[in-house]
PDB file of all heavy atoms in Angstrom:
ATOM      1  N   GLY A   1      82.765 134.400 104.454  1.00  0.00           N
ATOM      2  CA  GLY A   1      83.456 135.681 104.435  1.00  0.00           C
ATOM      3  C   GLY A   1      84.876 135.628 104.965  1.00  0.00           C
ATOM      4  O   GLY A   1      85.628 136.604 104.833  1.00  0.00           O
ATOM      5  N   GLY A   2      85.248 134.510 105.543  1.00  0.00           N
ATOM      6  CA  GLY A   2      86.579 134.359 106.109  1.00  0.00           C
ATOM      7  C   GLY A   2      87.639 134.018 105.085  1.00  0.00           C
ATOM      8  O   GLY A   2      87.364 133.941 103.873  1.00  0.00           O
ATOM      9  N   SER A   3      88.847 133.795 105.574  1.00  0.00           N
ATOM     10  CA  SER A   3      90.000 133.527 104.707  1.00  0.00           C
ATOM     11  C   SER A   3      90.790 132.329 105.214  1.00  0.00           C
ATOM     12  O   SER A   3      90.791 132.033 106.416  1.00  0.00           O
ATOM     13  CB  SER A   3      90.929 134.745 104.669  1.00  0.00           C
ATOM     14  OG  SER A   3      90.287 135.878 104.137  1.00  0.00           O
ATOM     15  N   LEU A   4      91.446 131.679 104.289  1.00  0.00           N
ATOM     16  CA  LEU A   4      92.392 130.611 104.593  1.00  0.00           C
ATOM     17  C   LEU A   4      93.526 130.675 103.580  1.00  0.00           C
ATOM     18  O   LEU A   4      93.330 131.136 102.447  1.00  0.00           O
ATOM     19  CB  LEU A   4      91.735 129.230 104.507  1.00  0.00           C
ATOM     20  CG  LEU A   4      90.829 128.770 105.653  1.00  0.00           C
ATOM     21  CD1 LEU A   4      90.165 127.454 105.282  1.00  0.00           C
ATOM     22  CD2 LEU A   4      91.611 128.626 106.936  1.00  0.00           C
ATOM     23  N   ARG A   5      94.684 130.169 103.996  1.00  0.00           N
ATOM     24  CA  ARG A   5      95.813 130.056 103.079  1.00  0.00           C
ATOM     25  C   ARG A   5      96.265 128.608 103.052  1.00  0.00           C
ATOM     26  O   ARG A   5      96.703 128.072 104.087  1.00  0.00           O
ATOM     27  CB  ARG A   5      96.973 130.959 103.488  1.00  0.00           C
ATOM     28  CG  ARG A   5      98.087 131.005 102.447  1.00  0.00           C
ATOM     29  CD  ARG A   5      99.309 131.696 102.982  1.00  0.00           C
ATOM     30  NE  ARG A   5     100.256 132.033 101.934  1.00  0.00           N
ATOM     31  CZ  ARG A   5     101.569 132.096 102.108  1.00  0.00           C
ATOM     32  NH1 ARG A   5     102.089 131.842 103.294  1.00  0.00           N
ATOM     33  NH2 ARG A   5     102.365 132.418 101.101  1.00  0.00           N
ATOM     34  N   LEU A   6      96.184 128.000 101.900  1.00  0.00           N
ATOM     35  CA  LEU A   6      96.608 126.617 101.727  1.00  0.00           C
ATOM     36  C   LEU A   6      98.040 126.573 101.204  1.00  0.00           C
ATOM     37  O   LEU A   6      98.471 127.459 100.465  1.00  0.00           O
ATOM     38  CB  LEU A   6      95.695 125.891 100.751  1.00  0.00           C
ATOM     39  CG  LEU A   6      94.197 125.950 101.026  1.00  0.00           C
ATOM     40  CD1 LEU A   6      93.451 125.096  99.997  1.00  0.00           C
ATOM     41  CD2 LEU A   6      93.872 125.515 102.434  1.00  0.00           C
ATOM     42  N   SER A   7      98.755 125.516 101.589  1.00  0.00           N
ATOM     43  CA  SER A   7     100.112 125.289 101.103  1.00  0.00           C
ATOM     44  C   SER A   7     100.214 123.870 100.556  1.00  0.00           C
ATOM     45  O   SER A   7      99.518 122.963 101.021  1.00  0.00           O
ATOM     46  CB  SER A   7     101.128 125.453 102.227  1.00  0.00           C
ATOM     47  OG  SER A   7     101.097 126.752 102.763  1.00  0.00           O
ATOM     48  N   CYS A   8     101.096 123.708  99.606  1.00  0.00           N
ATOM     49  CA  CYS A   8     101.348 122.374  99.046  1.00  0.00           C
ATOM     50  C   CYS A   8     102.835 122.250  98.765  1.00  0.00           C
ATOM     51  O   CYS A   8     103.385 122.989  97.945  1.00  0.00           O
ATOM     52  CB  CYS A   8     100.553 122.166  97.776  1.00  0.00           C
ATOM     53  SG  CYS A   8     100.976 120.638  96.903  1.00  0.00           S
ATOM     54  N   GLY A   9     103.474 121.306  99.458  1.00  0.00           N
ATOM     55  CA  GLY A   9     104.873 121.025  99.227  1.00  0.00           C
ATOM     56  C   GLY A   9     105.030 119.849  98.289  1.00  0.00           C
ATOM     57  O   GLY A   9     104.307 118.857  98.395  1.00  0.00           O
ATOM     58  N   ALA A  10     105.984 119.958  97.383  1.00  0.00           N
ATOM     59  CA  ALA A  10     106.211 118.905  96.392  1.00  0.00           C
ATOM     60  C   ALA A  10     107.642 118.394  96.499  1.00  0.00           C
ATOM     61  O   ALA A  10     108.571 119.165  96.747  1.00  0.00           O
ATOM     62  CB  ALA A  10     105.958 119.433  94.994  1.00  0.00           C
ATOM     63  N   SER A  11     107.813 117.104  96.312  1.00  0.00           N
ATOM     64  CA  SER A  11     109.147 116.510  96.300  1.00  0.00           C
ATOM     65  C   SER A  11     109.199 115.460  95.206  1.00  0.00           C
ATOM     66  O   SER A  11     108.166 114.964  94.745  1.00  0.00           O
ATOM     67  CB  SER A  11     109.481 115.893  97.658  1.00  0.00           C
ATOM     68  OG  SER A  11     108.555 114.879  97.990  1.00  0.00           O
ATOM     69  N   GLY A  12     110.402 115.143  94.788  1.00  0.00           N
ATOM     70  CA  GLY A  12     110.585 114.122  93.763  1.00  0.00           C
ATOM     71  C   GLY A  12     110.436 114.619  92.348  1.00  0.00           C
ATOM     72  O   GLY A  12     110.382 113.811  91.417  1.00  0.00           O
ATOM     73  N   ILE A  13     110.383 115.931  92.163  1.00  0.00           N
ATOM     74  CA  ILE A  13     110.221 116.508  90.836  1.00  0.00           C
ATOM     75  C   ILE A  13     111.085 117.747  90.707  1.00  0.00           C
ATOM     76  O   ILE A  13     111.537 118.302  91.710  1.00  0.00           O
ATOM     77  CB  ILE A  13     108.746 116.929  90.569  1.00  0.00           C
ATOM     78  CG1 ILE A  13     108.264 117.893  91.669  1.00  0.00           C
ATOM     79  CG2 ILE A  13     107.849 115.730  90.445  1.00  0.00           C
ATOM     80  CD1 ILE A  13     106.928 118.506  91.411  1.00  0.00           C
ATOM     81  N   ILE A  14     111.291 118.181  89.462  1.00  0.00           N
ATOM     82  CA  ILE A  14     111.887 119.502  89.234  1.00  0.00           C
ATOM     83  C   ILE A  14     110.725 120.469  89.204  1.00  0.00           C
ATOM     84  O   ILE A  14     110.148 120.778  88.157  1.00  0.00           O
ATOM     85  CB  ILE A  14     112.699 119.518  87.925  1.00  0.00           C
ATOM     86  CG1 ILE A  14     113.769 118.424  87.963  1.00  0.00           C
ATOM     87  CG2 ILE A  14     113.351 120.891  87.743  1.00  0.00           C
ATOM     88  CD1 ILE A  14     114.534 118.277  86.662  1.00  0.00           C
ATOM     89  N   PHE A  15     110.369 120.948  90.378  1.00  0.00           N
ATOM     90  CA  PHE A  15     109.131 121.688  90.603  1.00  0.00           C
ATOM     91  C   PHE A  15     108.984 122.887  89.678  1.00  0.00           C
ATOM     92  O   PHE A  15     107.920 123.136  89.116  1.00  0.00           O
ATOM     93  CB  PHE A  15     109.090 122.131  92.066  1.00  0.00           C
ATOM     94  CG  PHE A  15     107.887 122.942  92.445  1.00  0.00           C
ATOM     95  CD1 PHE A  15     106.675 122.343  92.709  1.00  0.00           C
ATOM     96  CD2 PHE A  15     107.989 124.328  92.572  1.00  0.00           C
ATOM     97  CE1 PHE A  15     105.568 123.090  93.084  1.00  0.00           C
ATOM     98  CE2 PHE A  15     106.897 125.086  92.939  1.00  0.00           C
ATOM     99  CZ  PHE A  15     105.683 124.467  93.196  1.00  0.00           C
ATOM    100  N   SER A  16     110.059 123.622  89.501  1.00  0.00           N
ATOM    101  CA  SER A  16     109.984 124.912  88.827  1.00  0.00           C
ATOM    102  C   SER A  16     109.590 124.795  87.357  1.00  0.00           C
ATOM    103  O   SER A  16     109.189 125.782  86.748  1.00  0.00           O
ATOM    104  CB  SER A  16     111.310 125.646  88.945  1.00  0.00           C
ATOM    105  OG  SER A  16     112.334 124.901  88.322  1.00  0.00           O
ATOM    106  N   THR A  17     109.680 123.630  86.774  1.00  0.00           N
ATOM    107  CA  THR A  17     109.394 123.487  85.340  1.00  0.00           C
ATOM    108  C   THR A  17     107.931 123.192  85.042  1.00  0.00           C
ATOM    109  O   THR A  17     107.538 123.155  83.880  1.00  0.00           O
ATOM    110  CB  THR A  17     110.234 122.359  84.735  1.00  0.00           C
ATOM    111  OG1 THR A  17     109.858 121.112  85.347  1.00  0.00           O
ATOM    112  CG2 THR A  17     111.712 122.603  84.948  1.00  0.00           C
ATOM    113  N   HIS A  18     107.127 123.001  86.076  1.00  0.00           N
ATOM    114  CA  HIS A  18     105.752 122.550  85.870  1.00  0.00           C
ATOM    115  C   HIS A  18     104.718 123.641  86.124  1.00  0.00           C
ATOM    116  O   HIS A  18     104.874 124.455  87.036  1.00  0.00           O
ATOM    117  CB  HIS A  18     105.443 121.364  86.791  1.00  0.00           C
ATOM    118  CG  HIS A  18     106.272 120.160  86.492  1.00  0.00           C
ATOM    119  ND1 HIS A  18     106.006 119.323  85.416  1.00  0.00           N
ATOM    120  CD2 HIS A  18     107.357 119.655  87.106  1.00  0.00           C
ATOM    121  CE1 HIS A  18     106.895 118.361  85.400  1.00  0.00           C
ATOM    122  NE2 HIS A  18     107.731 118.530  86.404  1.00  0.00           N
ATOM    123  N   VAL A  19     103.658 123.609  85.320  1.00  0.00           N
ATOM    124  CA  VAL A  19     102.478 124.420  85.612  1.00  0.00           C
ATOM    125  C   VAL A  19     101.726 123.718  86.732  1.00  0.00           C
ATOM    126  O   VAL A  19     101.307 122.573  86.585  1.00  0.00           O
ATOM    127  CB  VAL A  19     101.564 124.583  84.384  1.00  0.00           C
ATOM    128  CG1 VAL A  19     100.323 125.397  84.749  1.00  0.00           C
ATOM    129  CG2 VAL A  19     102.324 125.224  83.233  1.00  0.00           C
ATOM    130  N   MET A  20     101.560 124.399  87.832  1.00  0.00           N
ATOM    131  CA  MET A  20     100.916 123.810  89.001  1.00  0.00           C
ATOM    132  C   MET A  20      99.490 124.330  89.139  1.00  0.00           C
ATOM    133  O   MET A  20      99.160 125.429  88.709  1.00  0.00           O
ATOM    134  CB  MET A  20     101.699 124.115  90.271  1.00  0.00           C
ATOM    135  CG  MET A  20     103.073 123.486  90.302  1.00  0.00           C
ATOM    136  SD  MET A  20     103.025 121.684  90.270  1.00  0.00           S
ATOM    137  CE  MET A  20     102.188 121.322  91.819  1.00  0.00           C
ATOM    138  N   GLY A  21      98.663 123.521  89.767  1.00  0.00           N
ATOM    139  CA  GLY A  21      97.274 123.908  89.937  1.00  0.00           C
ATOM    140  C   GLY A  21      96.719 123.491  91.278  1.00  0.00           C
ATOM    141  O   GLY A  21      97.256 122.590  91.933  1.00  0.00           O
ATOM    142  N   TRP A  22      95.673 124.169  91.677  1.00  0.00           N
ATOM    143  CA  TRP A  22      94.869 123.758  92.826  1.00  0.00           C
ATOM    144  C   TRP A  22      93.543 123.233  92.292  1.00  0.00           C
ATOM    145  O   TRP A  22      92.893 123.871  91.447  1.00  0.00           O
ATOM    146  CB  TRP A  22      94.630 124.918  93.788  1.00  0.00           C
ATOM    147  CG  TRP A  22      95.786 125.184  94.693  1.00  0.00           C
ATOM    148  CD1 TRP A  22      96.765 126.117  94.532  1.00  0.00           C
ATOM    149  CD2 TRP A  22      96.082 124.492  95.916  1.00  0.00           C
ATOM    150  NE1 TRP A  22      97.661 126.050  95.577  1.00  0.00           N
ATOM    151  CE2 TRP A  22      97.254 125.071  96.441  1.00  0.00           C
ATOM    152  CE3 TRP A  22      95.475 123.456  96.625  1.00  0.00           C
ATOM    153  CZ2 TRP A  22      97.837 124.636  97.641  1.00  0.00           C
ATOM    154  CZ3 TRP A  22      96.043 123.032  97.815  1.00  0.00           C
ATOM    155  CH2 TRP A  22      97.210 123.619  98.312  1.00  0.00           C
ATOM    156  N   TYR A  23      93.174 122.082  92.802  1.00  0.00           N
ATOM    157  CA  TYR A  23      91.927 121.433  92.458  1.00  0.00           C
ATOM    158  C   TYR A  23      91.090 121.310  93.728  1.00  0.00           C
ATOM    159  O   TYR A  23      91.614 121.352  94.834  1.00  0.00           O
ATOM    160  CB  TYR A  23      92.183 120.020  91.932  1.00  0.00           C
ATOM    161  CG  TYR A  23      93.037 119.914  90.692  1.00  0.00           C
ATOM    162  CD1 TYR A  23      94.415 120.134  90.742  1.00  0.00           C
ATOM    163  CD2 TYR A  23      92.485 119.563  89.465  1.00  0.00           C
ATOM    164  CE1 TYR A  23      95.206 120.019  89.608  1.00  0.00           C
ATOM    165  CE2 TYR A  23      93.268 119.423  88.324  1.00  0.00           C
ATOM    166  CZ  TYR A  23      94.625 119.657  88.409  1.00  0.00           C
ATOM    167  OH  TYR A  23      95.404 119.521  87.283  1.00  0.00           O
ATOM    168  N   ARG A  24      89.799 121.092  93.537  1.00  0.00           N
ATOM    169  CA  ARG A  24      88.962 120.801  94.697  1.00  0.00           C
ATOM    170  C   ARG A  24      87.884 119.800  94.319  1.00  0.00           C
ATOM    171  O   ARG A  24      87.479 119.711  93.158  1.00  0.00           O
ATOM    172  CB  ARG A  24      88.329 122.079  95.258  1.00  0.00           C
ATOM    173  CG  ARG A  24      87.282 122.737  94.368  1.00  0.00           C
ATOM    174  CD  ARG A  24      86.824 124.047  94.996  1.00  0.00           C
ATOM    175  NE  ARG A  24      85.789 124.691  94.189  1.00  0.00           N
ATOM    176  CZ  ARG A  24      85.306 125.898  94.456  1.00  0.00           C
ATOM    177  NH1 ARG A  24      85.762 126.591  95.496  1.00  0.00           N
ATOM    178  NH2 ARG A  24      84.356 126.402  93.683  1.00  0.00           N
ATOM    179  N   GLN A  25      87.451 119.063  95.323  1.00  0.00           N
ATOM    180  CA  GLN A  25      86.387 118.085  95.117  1.00  0.00           C
ATOM    181  C   GLN A  25      85.396 118.185  96.260  1.00  0.00           C
ATOM    182  O   GLN A  25      85.749 117.909  97.421  1.00  0.00           O
ATOM    183  CB  GLN A  25      86.941 116.670  95.022  1.00  0.00           C
ATOM    184  CG  GLN A  25      85.887 115.639  94.638  1.00  0.00           C
ATOM    185  CD  GLN A  25      86.491 114.312  94.216  1.00  0.00           C
ATOM    186  OE1 GLN A  25      87.627 113.994  94.542  1.00  0.00           O
ATOM    187  NE2 GLN A  25      85.721 113.538  93.474  1.00  0.00           N
ATOM    188  N   ALA A  26      84.195 118.607  95.924  1.00  0.00           N
ATOM    189  CA  ALA A  26      83.118 118.694  96.907  1.00  0.00           C
ATOM    190  C   ALA A  26      82.389 117.352  96.978  1.00  0.00           C
ATOM    191  O   ALA A  26      82.439 116.561  96.024  1.00  0.00           O
ATOM    192  CB  ALA A  26      82.153 119.808  96.527  1.00  0.00           C
ATOM    193  N   PRO A  27      81.708 117.078  98.075  1.00  0.00           N
ATOM    194  CA  PRO A  27      80.991 115.804  98.206  1.00  0.00           C
ATOM    195  C   PRO A  27      80.014 115.581  97.058  1.00  0.00           C
ATOM    196  O   PRO A  27      79.222 116.464  96.728  1.00  0.00           O
ATOM    197  CB  PRO A  27      80.256 115.967  99.537  1.00  0.00           C
ATOM    198  CG  PRO A  27      81.060 116.936 100.308  1.00  0.00           C
ATOM    199  CD  PRO A  27      81.608 117.897  99.294  1.00  0.00           C
ATOM    200  N   GLY A  28      80.109 114.423  96.425  1.00  0.00           N
ATOM    201  CA  GLY A  28      79.199 114.078  95.351  1.00  0.00           C
ATOM    202  C   GLY A  28      79.491 114.747  94.022  1.00  0.00           C
ATOM    203  O   GLY A  28      78.711 114.604  93.070  1.00  0.00           O
ATOM    204  N   LYS A  29      80.596 115.471  93.939  1.00  0.00           N
ATOM    205  CA  LYS A  29      80.932 116.180  92.706  1.00  0.00           C
ATOM    206  C   LYS A  29      82.289 115.731  92.178  1.00  0.00           C
ATOM    207  O   LYS A  29      83.101 115.172  92.907  1.00  0.00           O
ATOM    208  CB  LYS A  29      80.938 117.689  92.934  1.00  0.00           C
ATOM    209  CG  LYS A  29      79.570 118.257  93.287  1.00  0.00           C
ATOM    210  CD  LYS A  29      79.617 119.776  93.348  1.00  0.00           C
ATOM    211  CE  LYS A  29      78.252 120.364  93.647  1.00  0.00           C
ATOM    212  NZ  LYS A  29      78.290 121.855  93.688  1.00  0.00           N
ATOM    213  N   GLN A  30      82.522 116.015  90.907  1.00  0.00           N
ATOM    214  CA  GLN A  30      83.817 115.689  90.316  1.00  0.00           C
ATOM    215  C   GLN A  30      84.874 116.700  90.763  1.00  0.00           C
ATOM    216  O   GLN A  30      84.563 117.848  91.106  1.00  0.00           O
ATOM    217  CB  GLN A  30      83.706 115.702  88.791  1.00  0.00           C
ATOM    218  CG  GLN A  30      82.920 114.534  88.220  1.00  0.00           C
ATOM    219  CD  GLN A  30      83.066 114.438  86.714  1.00  0.00           C
ATOM    220  OE1 GLN A  30      83.241 115.430  86.033  1.00  0.00           O
ATOM    221  NE2 GLN A  30      82.983 113.212  86.196  1.00  0.00           N
TER     222      GLN A  30
END
């Protein structure tokens, strides 16, 4: 029921031109 805010900083790219995504990997899963 709680909340968290994740951040991701990127360098070495022209960031604004890319479709960005958040992925996750749980134990034993893809």
